[in-house]
């Protein structure tokens, strides 16, 4: 393999290991720490970062026009915001 290909494989492997580490971390947080708004924010922030890693490194969006990066990041923010809003409003709605 040439040097550029080796670097690409190393980067992909490192990102994959990071994704595994963050997945394990969010699992442990959700399992062993009492859940609340702060924990939800931490888990959603880690999930956003994981989504960004997948979008940039495995979907190849980092090589696309900036508009597509903005669209994909906006998608992650909208989905995360809807999840956070649903979690925070659940006690109010269930009253």
PDB file of N, CA and C in Angstrom:
ATOM      1  N   UNK A   1       0.839  -1.185   0.000  1.00  0.00           N
ATOM      2  CA  UNK A   1       0.000   0.000   0.000  1.00  0.00           C
ATOM      3  C   UNK A   1       0.878   1.240   0.000  1.00  0.00           C
ATOM      4  N   UNK A   2       0.391   2.271  -0.678  1.00  0.00           N
ATOM      5  CA  UNK A   2       1.172   3.505  -0.673  1.00  0.00           C
ATOM      6  C   UNK A   2       0.921   4.273   0.622  1.00  0.00           C
ATOM      7  N   UNK A   3       1.711   5.296   0.851  1.00  0.00           N
ATOM      8  CA  UNK A   3       1.674   6.036   2.104  1.00  0.00           C
ATOM      9  C   UNK A   3       0.336   6.730   2.333  1.00  0.00           C
ATOM     10  N   UNK A   4      -0.247   7.314   1.299  1.00  0.00           N
ATOM     11  CA  UNK A   4      -1.535   8.000   1.448  1.00  0.00           C
ATOM     12  C   UNK A   4      -2.626   7.020   1.846  1.00  0.00           C
ATOM     13  N   UNK A   5      -2.632   5.850   1.239  1.00  0.00           N
ATOM     14  CA  UNK A   5      -3.637   4.838   1.561  1.00  0.00           C
ATOM     15  C   UNK A   5      -3.462   4.333   2.988  1.00  0.00           C
ATOM     16  N   UNK A   6      -2.209   4.162   3.417  1.00  0.00           N
ATOM     17  CA  UNK A   6      -1.931   3.724   4.780  1.00  0.00           C
ATOM     18  C   UNK A   6      -2.426   4.746   5.782  1.00  0.00           C
ATOM     19  N   UNK A   7      -2.196   6.030   5.525  1.00  0.00           N
ATOM     20  CA  UNK A   7      -2.685   7.077   6.416  1.00  0.00           C
ATOM     21  C   UNK A   7      -4.204   7.099   6.474  1.00  0.00           C
ATOM     22  N   UNK A   8      -4.846   6.876   5.340  1.00  0.00           N
ATOM     23  CA  UNK A   8      -6.311   6.856   5.294  1.00  0.00           C
ATOM     24  C   UNK A   8      -6.865   5.699   6.125  1.00  0.00           C
ATOM     25  N   UNK A   9      -6.238   4.544   6.019  1.00  0.00           N
ATOM     26  CA  UNK A   9      -6.667   3.380   6.797  1.00  0.00           C
ATOM     27  C   UNK A   9      -6.435   3.623   8.287  1.00  0.00           C
ATOM     28  N   UNK A  10      -5.305   4.208   8.636  1.00  0.00           N
ATOM     29  CA  UNK A  10      -5.029   4.518  10.047  1.00  0.00           C
ATOM     30  C   UNK A  10      -6.046   5.505  10.606  1.00  0.00           C
ATOM     31  N   UNK A  11      -6.361   6.516   9.830  1.00  0.00           N
ATOM     32  CA  UNK A  11      -7.355   7.500  10.277  1.00  0.00           C
ATOM     33  C   UNK A  11      -8.711   6.848  10.474  1.00  0.00           C
ATOM     34  N   UNK A  12      -9.131   6.031   9.525  1.00  0.00           N
ATOM     35  CA  UNK A  12     -10.427   5.353   9.634  1.00  0.00           C
ATOM     36  C   UNK A  12     -10.457   4.424  10.845  1.00  0.00           C
ATOM     37  N   UNK A  13      -9.364   3.735  11.088  1.00  0.00           N
ATOM     38  CA  UNK A  13      -9.287   2.841  12.247  1.00  0.00           C
ATOM     39  C   UNK A  13      -9.347   3.630  13.542  1.00  0.00           C
ATOM     40  N   UNK A  14      -8.630   4.742  13.602  1.00  0.00           N
ATOM     41  CA  UNK A  14      -8.653   5.588  14.798  1.00  0.00           C
ATOM     42  C   UNK A  14     -10.055   6.138  15.051  1.00  0.00           C
ATOM     43  N   UNK A  15     -10.713   6.611  14.005  1.00  0.00           N
ATOM     44  CA  UNK A  15     -12.076   7.143  14.153  1.00  0.00           C
ATOM     45  C   UNK A  15     -13.018   6.038  14.604  1.00  0.00           C
ATOM     46  N   UNK A  16     -12.882   4.854  14.046  1.00  0.00           N
ATOM     47  CA  UNK A  16     -13.724   3.727  14.425  1.00  0.00           C
ATOM     48  C   UNK A  16     -13.528   3.389  15.901  1.00  0.00           C
ATOM     49  N   UNK A  17     -12.269   3.378  16.352  1.00  0.00           N
ATOM     50  CA  UNK A  17     -12.000   3.112  17.767  1.00  0.00           C
ATOM     51  C   UNK A  17     -12.579   4.209  18.659  1.00  0.00           C
ATOM     52  N   UNK A  18     -12.501   5.454  18.213  1.00  0.00           N
ATOM     53  CA  UNK A  18     -13.129   6.554  18.958  1.00  0.00           C
ATOM     54  C   UNK A  18     -14.635   6.345  19.069  1.00  0.00           C
ATOM     55  N   UNK A  19     -15.261   5.943  17.976  1.00  0.00           N
ATOM     56  CA  UNK A  19     -16.704   5.687  17.992  1.00  0.00           C
ATOM     57  C   UNK A  19     -17.046   4.569  18.982  1.00  0.00           C
ATOM     58  N   UNK A  20     -16.240   3.526  19.002  1.00  0.00           N
ATOM     59  CA  UNK A  20     -16.463   2.450  19.973  1.00  0.00           C
ATOM     60  C   UNK A  20     -16.318   2.962  21.400  1.00  0.00           C
ATOM     61  N   UNK A  21     -15.296   3.759  21.648  1.00  0.00           N
ATOM     62  CA  UNK A  21     -15.062   4.312  22.981  1.00  0.00           C
ATOM     63  C   UNK A  21     -16.222   5.203  23.423  1.00  0.00           C
ATOM     64  N   UNK A  22     -16.679   6.073  22.536  1.00  0.00           N
ATOM     65  CA  UNK A  22     -17.805   6.954  22.877  1.00  0.00           C
ATOM     66  C   UNK A  22     -19.100   6.171  23.073  1.00  0.00           C
ATOM     67  N   UNK A  23     -19.289   5.120  22.300  1.00  0.00           N
ATOM     68  CA  UNK A  23     -20.471   4.283  22.484  1.00  0.00           C
ATOM     69  C   UNK A  23     -20.429   3.592  23.838  1.00  0.00           C
ATOM     70  N   UNK A  24     -19.287   3.061  24.205  1.00  0.00           N
ATOM     71  CA  UNK A  24     -19.135   2.432  25.516  1.00  0.00           C
ATOM     72  C   UNK A  24     -19.349   3.452  26.632  1.00  0.00           C
ATOM     73  N   UNK A  25     -18.812   4.644  26.465  1.00  0.00           N
ATOM     74  CA  UNK A  25     -18.962   5.691  27.481  1.00  0.00           C
ATOM     75  C   UNK A  25     -20.429   6.069  27.671  1.00  0.00           C
ATOM     76  N   UNK A  26     -21.168   6.257  26.578  1.00  0.00           N
ATOM     77  CA  UNK A  26     -22.584   6.629  26.720  1.00  0.00           C
ATOM     78  C   UNK A  26     -23.391   5.478  27.314  1.00  0.00           C
ATOM     79  N   UNK A  27     -23.043   4.242  26.973  1.00  0.00           N
ATOM     80  CA  UNK A  27     -23.715   3.090  27.575  1.00  0.00           C
ATOM     81  C   UNK A  27     -23.484   3.076  29.091  1.00  0.00           C
ATOM     82  N   UNK A  28     -22.241   3.259  29.507  1.00  0.00           N
ATOM     83  CA  UNK A  28     -21.928   3.235  30.934  1.00  0.00           C
ATOM     84  C   UNK A  28     -22.596   4.395  31.672  1.00  0.00           C
ATOM     85  N   UNK A  29     -22.613   5.553  31.058  1.00  0.00           N
ATOM     86  CA  UNK A  29     -23.285   6.705  31.670  1.00  0.00           C
ATOM     87  C   UNK A  29     -24.769   6.412  31.840  1.00  0.00           C
ATOM     88  N   UNK A  30     -25.407   5.923  30.796  1.00  0.00           N
ATOM     89  CA  UNK A  30     -26.848   5.649  30.854  1.00  0.00           C
ATOM     90  C   UNK A  30     -27.170   4.516  31.821  1.00  0.00           C
ATOM     91  N   UNK A  31     -26.241   3.596  32.024  1.00  0.00           N
ATOM     92  CA  UNK A  31     -26.502   2.453  32.893  1.00  0.00           C
ATOM     93  C   UNK A  31     -26.254   2.758  34.365  1.00  0.00           C
ATOM     94  N   UNK A  32     -25.201   3.489  34.665  1.00  0.00           N
ATOM     95  CA  UNK A  32     -24.772   3.615  36.052  1.00  0.00           C
ATOM     96  C   UNK A  32     -24.962   4.991  36.686  1.00  0.00           C
ATOM     97  N   UNK A  33     -25.345   5.992  35.938  1.00  0.00           N
ATOM     98  CA  UNK A  33     -25.528   7.325  36.505  1.00  0.00           C
ATOM     99  C   UNK A  33     -27.016   7.668  36.433  1.00  0.00           C
ATOM    100  N   UNK A  34     -27.579   8.171  37.538  1.00  0.00           N
ATOM    101  CA  UNK A  34     -29.000   8.555  37.501  1.00  0.00           C
ATOM    102  C   UNK A  34     -29.248   9.589  36.401  1.00  0.00           C
ATOM    103  N   UNK A  35     -30.244   9.296  35.606  1.00  0.00           N
ATOM    104  CA  UNK A  35     -30.494  10.124  34.425  1.00  0.00           C
ATOM    105  C   UNK A  35     -31.171  11.425  34.821  1.00  0.00           C
ATOM    106  N   UNK A  36     -30.771  12.515  34.194  1.00  0.00           N
ATOM    107  CA  UNK A  36     -31.347  13.828  34.413  1.00  0.00           C
ATOM    108  C   UNK A  36     -31.016  14.710  33.235  1.00  0.00           C
ATOM    109  N   UNK A  37     -31.439  15.970  33.290  1.00  0.00           N
ATOM    110  CA  UNK A  37     -31.192  16.870  32.160  1.00  0.00           C
ATOM    111  C   UNK A  37     -29.712  17.064  31.830  1.00  0.00           C
ATOM    112  N   UNK A  38     -28.849  17.102  32.831  1.00  0.00           N
ATOM    113  CA  UNK A  38     -27.413  17.296  32.570  1.00  0.00           C
ATOM    114  C   UNK A  38     -26.838  16.069  31.859  1.00  0.00           C
ATOM    115  N   UNK A  39     -27.180  14.895  32.358  1.00  0.00           N
ATOM    116  CA  UNK A  39     -26.707  13.659  31.735  1.00  0.00           C
ATOM    117  C   UNK A  39     -27.247  13.547  30.320  1.00  0.00           C
ATOM    118  N   UNK A  40     -28.507  13.918  30.125  1.00  0.00           N
ATOM    119  CA  UNK A  40     -29.089  13.888  28.787  1.00  0.00           C
ATOM    120  C   UNK A  40     -28.315  14.812  27.847  1.00  0.00           C
ATOM    121  N   UNK A  41     -27.939  15.989  28.330  1.00  0.00           N
ATOM    122  CA  UNK A  41     -27.151  16.916  27.518  1.00  0.00           C
ATOM    123  C   UNK A  41     -25.787  16.352  27.154  1.00  0.00           C
ATOM    124  N   UNK A  42     -25.155  15.680  28.123  1.00  0.00           N
ATOM    125  CA  UNK A  42     -23.848  15.074  27.854  1.00  0.00           C
ATOM    126  C   UNK A  42     -23.974  13.964  26.816  1.00  0.00           C
ATOM    127  N   UNK A  43     -24.971  13.103  26.994  1.00  0.00           N
ATOM    128  CA  UNK A  43     -25.162  11.995  26.057  1.00  0.00           C
ATOM    129  C   UNK A  43     -25.495  12.527  24.657  1.00  0.00           C
ATOM    130  N   UNK A  44     -26.326  13.550  24.566  1.00  0.00           N
ATOM    131  CA  UNK A  44     -26.665  14.115  23.258  1.00  0.00           C
ATOM    132  C   UNK A  44     -25.455  14.798  22.621  1.00  0.00           C
ATOM    133  N   UNK A  45     -24.623  15.444  23.422  1.00  0.00           N
ATOM    134  CA  UNK A  45     -23.414  16.077  22.875  1.00  0.00           C
ATOM    135  C   UNK A  45     -22.452  15.020  22.330  1.00  0.00           C
ATOM    136  N   UNK A  46     -22.286  13.930  23.065  1.00  0.00           N
ATOM    137  CA  UNK A  46     -21.423  12.846  22.585  1.00  0.00           C
ATOM    138  C   UNK A  46     -22.019  12.229  21.322  1.00  0.00           C
ATOM    139  N   UNK A  47     -23.324  12.072  21.303  1.00  0.00           N
ATOM    140  CA  UNK A  47     -23.993  11.518  20.123  1.00  0.00           C
ATOM    141  C   UNK A  47     -23.831  12.439  18.921  1.00  0.00           C
ATOM    142  N   UNK A  48     -23.910  13.747  19.133  1.00  0.00           N
ATOM    143  CA  UNK A  48     -23.687  14.700  18.047  1.00  0.00           C
ATOM    144  C   UNK A  48     -22.265  14.558  17.501  1.00  0.00           C
ATOM    145  N   UNK A  49     -21.303  14.462  18.406  1.00  0.00           N
ATOM    146  CA  UNK A  49     -19.907  14.319  17.988  1.00  0.00           C
ATOM    147  C   UNK A  49     -19.698  13.017  17.219  1.00  0.00           C
ATOM    148  N   UNK A  50     -20.331  11.929  17.692  1.00  0.00           N
ATOM    149  CA  UNK A  50     -20.234  10.652  16.980  1.00  0.00           C
ATOM    150  C   UNK A  50     -20.843  10.774  15.586  1.00  0.00           C
ATOM    151  N   UNK A  51     -21.993  11.423  15.490  1.00  0.00           N
ATOM    152  CA  UNK A  51     -22.625  11.620  14.189  1.00  0.00           C
ATOM    153  C   UNK A  51     -21.743  12.429  13.254  1.00  0.00           C
ATOM    154  N   UNK A  52     -21.101  13.437  13.792  1.00  0.00           N
ATOM    155  CA  UNK A  52     -20.197  14.254  12.985  1.00  0.00           C
ATOM    156  C   UNK A  52     -19.012  13.437  12.477  1.00  0.00           C
ATOM    157  N   UNK A  53     -18.478  12.578  13.334  1.00  0.00           N
ATOM    158  CA  UNK A  53     -17.381  11.709  12.901  1.00  0.00           C
ATOM    159  C   UNK A  53     -17.815  10.781  11.764  1.00  0.00           C
ATOM    160  N   UNK A  54     -18.990  10.203  11.907  1.00  0.00           N
ATOM    161  CA  UNK A  54     -19.492   9.299  10.864  1.00  0.00           C
ATOM    162  C   UNK A  54     -19.711  10.064   9.563  1.00  0.00           C
ATOM    163  N   UNK A  55     -20.332  11.223   9.662  1.00  0.00           N
ATOM    164  CA  UNK A  55     -20.623  12.022   8.465  1.00  0.00           C
ATOM    165  C   UNK A  55     -19.331  12.438   7.759  1.00  0.00           C
ATOM    166  N   UNK A  56     -18.375  12.917   8.519  1.00  0.00           N
ATOM    167  CA  UNK A  56     -17.145  13.432   7.902  1.00  0.00           C
ATOM    168  C   UNK A  56     -16.203  12.336   7.422  1.00  0.00           C
ATOM    169  N   UNK A  57     -16.051  11.270   8.209  1.00  0.00           N
ATOM    170  CA  UNK A  57     -15.023  10.284   7.887  1.00  0.00           C
ATOM    171  C   UNK A  57     -15.533   9.084   7.100  1.00  0.00           C
ATOM    172  N   UNK A  58     -16.758   8.649   7.362  1.00  0.00           N
ATOM    173  CA  UNK A  58     -17.221   7.433   6.706  1.00  0.00           C
ATOM    174  C   UNK A  58     -18.206   7.701   5.578  1.00  0.00           C
ATOM    175  N   UNK A  59     -18.898   8.834   5.607  1.00  0.00           N
ATOM    176  CA  UNK A  59     -19.786   9.180   4.502  1.00  0.00           C
ATOM    177  C   UNK A  59     -19.075  10.042   3.467  1.00  0.00           C
ATOM    178  N   UNK A  60     -17.919  10.562   3.820  1.00  0.00           N
ATOM    179  CA  UNK A  60     -17.128  11.344   2.879  1.00  0.00           C
ATOM    180  C   UNK A  60     -17.650  12.743   2.617  1.00  0.00           C
ATOM    181  N   UNK A  61     -18.478  13.256   3.517  1.00  0.00           N
ATOM    182  CA  UNK A  61     -19.057  14.588   3.307  1.00  0.00           C
ATOM    183  C   UNK A  61     -18.000  15.682   3.440  1.00  0.00           C
ATOM    184  N   UNK A  62     -16.887  15.381   4.072  1.00  0.00           N
ATOM    185  CA  UNK A  62     -15.839  16.405   4.206  1.00  0.00           C
ATOM    186  C   UNK A  62     -15.243  16.791   2.856  1.00  0.00           C
ATOM    187  N   UNK A  63     -15.448  15.964   1.840  1.00  0.00           N
ATOM    188  CA  UNK A  63     -14.952  16.276   0.507  1.00  0.00           C
ATOM    189  C   UNK A  63     -16.012  16.963  -0.357  1.00  0.00           C
ATOM    190  N   UNK A  64     -17.213  17.123   0.171  1.00  0.00           N
ATOM    191  CA  UNK A  64     -18.300  17.751  -0.587  1.00  0.00           C
ATOM    192  C   UNK A  64     -18.274  19.265  -0.388  1.00  0.00           C
ATOM    193  N   UNK A  65     -19.185  19.922  -1.057  1.00  0.00           N
ATOM    194  CA  UNK A  65     -19.330  21.370  -0.868  1.00  0.00           C
ATOM    195  C   UNK A  65     -19.751  21.675   0.559  1.00  0.00           C
ATOM    196  N   UNK A  66     -19.393  22.854   1.063  1.00  0.00           N
ATOM    197  CA  UNK A  66     -19.734  23.218   2.443  1.00  0.00           C
ATOM    198  C   UNK A  66     -21.231  23.161   2.734  1.00  0.00           C
ATOM    199  N   UNK A  67     -22.056  23.408   1.744  1.00  0.00           N
ATOM    200  CA  UNK A  67     -23.504  23.359   1.944  1.00  0.00           C
ATOM    201  C   UNK A  67     -23.938  22.005   2.487  1.00  0.00           C
ATOM    202  N   UNK A  68     -23.369  20.927   1.965  1.00  0.00           N
ATOM    203  CA  UNK A  68     -23.769  19.594   2.408  1.00  0.00           C
ATOM    204  C   UNK A  68     -23.322  19.320   3.836  1.00  0.00           C
ATOM    205  N   UNK A  69     -22.168  19.848   4.227  1.00  0.00           N
ATOM    206  CA  UNK A  69     -21.743  19.705   5.625  1.00  0.00           C
ATOM    207  C   UNK A  69     -22.700  20.444   6.546  1.00  0.00           C
ATOM    208  N   UNK A  70     -23.106  21.644   6.130  1.00  0.00           N
ATOM    209  CA  UNK A  70     -24.047  22.430   6.932  1.00  0.00           C
ATOM    210  C   UNK A  70     -25.383  21.707   7.033  1.00  0.00           C
ATOM    211  N   UNK A  71     -25.861  21.153   5.938  1.00  0.00           N
ATOM    212  CA  UNK A  71     -27.142  20.433   5.952  1.00  0.00           C
ATOM    213  C   UNK A  71     -27.073  19.236   6.902  1.00  0.00           C
ATOM    214  N   UNK A  72     -26.003  18.474   6.831  1.00  0.00           N
ATOM    215  CA  UNK A  72     -25.882  17.291   7.687  1.00  0.00           C
ATOM    216  C   UNK A  72     -25.735  17.674   9.164  1.00  0.00           C
ATOM    217  N   UNK A  73     -24.977  18.717   9.461  1.00  0.00           N
ATOM    218  CA  UNK A  73     -24.842  19.163  10.854  1.00  0.00           C
ATOM    219  C   UNK A  73     -26.171  19.712  11.371  1.00  0.00           C
ATOM    220  N   UNK A  74     -26.897  20.426  10.510  1.00  0.00           N
ATOM    221  CA  UNK A  74     -28.214  20.932  10.898  1.00  0.00           C
ATOM    222  C   UNK A  74     -29.161  19.778  11.201  1.00  0.00           C
ATOM    223  N   UNK A  75     -29.077  18.728  10.398  1.00  0.00           N
ATOM    224  CA  UNK A  75     -29.900  17.545  10.647  1.00  0.00           C
ATOM    225  C   UNK A  75     -29.607  16.976  12.036  1.00  0.00           C
ATOM    226  N   UNK A  76     -28.329  16.832  12.362  1.00  0.00           N
ATOM    227  CA  UNK A  76     -27.966  16.315  13.687  1.00  0.00           C
ATOM    228  C   UNK A  76     -28.479  17.221  14.796  1.00  0.00           C
ATOM    229  N   UNK A  77     -28.355  18.531  14.608  1.00  0.00           N
ATOM    230  CA  UNK A  77     -28.828  19.463  15.626  1.00  0.00           C
ATOM    231  C   UNK A  77     -30.347  19.412  15.785  1.00  0.00           C
ATOM    232  N   UNK A  78     -31.064  19.312  14.683  1.00  0.00           N
ATOM    233  CA  UNK A  78     -32.528  19.270  14.751  1.00  0.00           C
ATOM    234  C   UNK A  78     -32.990  17.996  15.455  1.00  0.00           C
ATOM    235  N   UNK A  79     -32.434  16.858  15.072  1.00  0.00           N
ATOM    236  CA  UNK A  79     -32.835  15.594  15.699  1.00  0.00           C
ATOM    237  C   UNK A  79     -32.497  15.605  17.189  1.00  0.00           C
ATOM    238  N   UNK A  80     -31.296  16.039  17.543  1.00  0.00           N
ATOM    239  CA  UNK A  80     -30.913  16.128  18.954  1.00  0.00           C
ATOM    240  C   UNK A  80     -31.786  17.089  19.735  1.00  0.00           C
ATOM    241  N   UNK A  81     -32.137  18.212  19.125  1.00  0.00           N
ATOM    242  CA  UNK A  81     -32.996  19.196  19.797  1.00  0.00           C
ATOM    243  C   UNK A  81     -34.400  18.653  20.022  1.00  0.00           C
ATOM    244  N   UNK A  82     -34.922  17.928  19.054  1.00  0.00           N
ATOM    245  CA  UNK A  82     -36.262  17.335  19.215  1.00  0.00           C
ATOM    246  C   UNK A  82     -36.251  16.289  20.326  1.00  0.00           C
ATOM    247  N   UNK A  83     -35.205  15.496  20.394  1.00  0.00           N
ATOM    248  CA  UNK A  83     -35.093  14.501  21.470  1.00  0.00           C
ATOM    249  C   UNK A  83     -34.999  15.196  22.822  1.00  0.00           C
ATOM    250  N   UNK A  84     -34.172  16.243  22.922  1.00  0.00           N
ATOM    251  CA  UNK A  84     -34.034  16.980  24.176  1.00  0.00           C
ATOM    252  C   UNK A  84     -35.347  17.644  24.567  1.00  0.00           C
ATOM    253  N   UNK A  85     -36.018  18.234  23.615  1.00  0.00           N
ATOM    254  CA  UNK A  85     -37.299  18.882  23.887  1.00  0.00           C
ATOM    255  C   UNK A  85     -38.339  17.874  24.359  1.00  0.00           C
ATOM    256  N   UNK A  86     -38.400  16.722  23.716  1.00  0.00           N
ATOM    257  CA  UNK A  86     -39.346  15.681  24.132  1.00  0.00           C
ATOM    258  C   UNK A  86     -39.047  15.215  25.552  1.00  0.00           C
ATOM    259  N   UNK A  87     -37.781  15.056  25.882  1.00  0.00           N
ATOM    260  CA  UNK A  87     -37.403  14.623  27.227  1.00  0.00           C
ATOM    261  C   UNK A  87     -37.775  15.685  28.267  1.00  0.00           C
ATOM    262  N   UNK A  88     -37.487  16.945  27.955  1.00  0.00           N
ATOM    263  CA  UNK A  88     -37.739  18.005  28.919  1.00  0.00           C
ATOM    264  C   UNK A  88     -39.220  18.317  29.075  1.00  0.00           C
ATOM    265  N   UNK A  89     -40.012  18.131  28.025  1.00  0.00           N
ATOM    266  CA  UNK A  89     -41.445  18.427  28.095  1.00  0.00           C
ATOM    267  C   UNK A  89     -42.288  17.244  28.569  1.00  0.00           C
ATOM    268  N   UNK A  90     -41.723  16.060  28.637  1.00  0.00           N
ATOM    269  CA  UNK A  90     -42.490  14.869  29.037  1.00  0.00           C
ATOM    270  C   UNK A  90     -43.170  15.031  30.398  1.00  0.00           C
ATOM    271  N   UNK A  91     -42.501  15.554  31.422  1.00  0.00           N
ATOM    272  CA  UNK A  91     -43.208  15.714  32.701  1.00  0.00           C
ATOM    273  C   UNK A  91     -44.369  16.710  32.622  1.00  0.00           C
ATOM    274  N   UNK A  92     -44.226  17.719  31.810  1.00  0.00           N
ATOM    275  CA  UNK A  92     -45.281  18.730  31.663  1.00  0.00           C
ATOM    276  C   UNK A  92     -46.477  18.142  30.931  1.00  0.00           C
ATOM    277  N   UNK A  93     -46.223  17.372  29.903  1.00  0.00           N
ATOM    278  CA  UNK A  93     -47.298  16.795  29.098  1.00  0.00           C
ATOM    279  C   UNK A  93     -48.012  15.694  29.849  1.00  0.00           C
ATOM    280  N   UNK A  94     -47.303  14.911  30.658  1.00  0.00           N
ATOM    281  CA  UNK A  94     -47.896  13.789  31.369  1.00  0.00           C
ATOM    282  C   UNK A  94     -48.600  14.174  32.658  1.00  0.00           C
ATOM    283  N   UNK A  95     -48.672  15.432  32.966  1.00  0.00           N
ATOM    284  CA  UNK A  95     -49.348  15.869  34.193  1.00  0.00           C
ATOM    285  C   UNK A  95     -50.807  15.713  34.109  1.00  0.00           C
TER     286      UNK A  95
END
